[in-house]
Amino acid sequence: MKNPYRGKFIVIEGIDGAGGETQSTLLFNFFKKEKISVERLTYPDYEEPIGRLIHEFLHKKYEFSPSTQFLLYLTDFLKDKEKILRWLKEGKIVISDRYFTSTLAYQCQRGFSPEKALKIAKLLEIPRPDLIIYLKVSPGISMKRKYKEKRNLDRNEKDKKFLGQLAKFYKETLIKNSVFGKWVIIDGEKPIPTVFKEIKKNL
C-alpha cells in the first residue's frame, strides 16, 4: 500500500552485519536532535512472542518449512501495521531496521515464491516504504563483523554461501527492479560516520 500520508517511511536493509541497527539508531537520534517527530522499529522484534519464536528458529531449536517461515516473519511486522499507518498519518518519520523487504530476500532464498509473497503483501495492504536504503557489504565482512559481535552465530549468519546468494538476490532482483519501493545502495563497508553521512545525503 502506497503511503498516502504526510509522514515518511524509511527502511534500512542489508545482509547480516551490514550495520542496519547502528545506522537506524544514528538516524533516529539525528531526527530527535533536530526536533523532528520520529519513531523506530526493529525486526525481528525479539521483545515480543513472535520474535522470540523466530529467534529460536534461527538458533535451530525448531525447523519450519519456507511457507511457515514466511508467515512467521510476515506476522512479526504485520502486527505493527496500524501503528505504522497511525504514525505516518500524524506526519512522523518512521525508521525500520529491516521490514517486509528482508522477508522477500531471506525467505524467498529459502524457497518461498517471490510472486506469492508480493501477492500476499498486496492482499494485506502492507505499507510500502518511501525509501529503502541498502547497506552493501560482502559475505566475508558480514561474518567477520558478526564473529566480533558474538560467538554464537545463527543459521543465517554462519552460512557464507547463503549470505552470498542473499546479496546477489538483493542486487539483481529487489534493487534492480525497484521491488516494493525505491532503493538506494550505500557502501556499508566504509567507516560508520561516512555511511551515516551518505544516508543523510540520500534523504
Foldseek 3Di string as FASTA:
>chain_A
DEQPFQAAEEEEDEAAQLCLVVLLVVVQVVCVVVVAAEDEEEPPPCVDPLSVVVVCVQAPVDDDALVVVLVSRQVSCLVCQVVVNVCRNVNHYYYYHDDLVVSLLQSVLRPDDNVVSVVVCVVSVRYFGAEYEYADDALVSNLVSVVVVDPSGTPRNVDNVSSNSSNCCCPVPCQVVVPRYHYDYFHSVDDPVVRSVVVVVVD
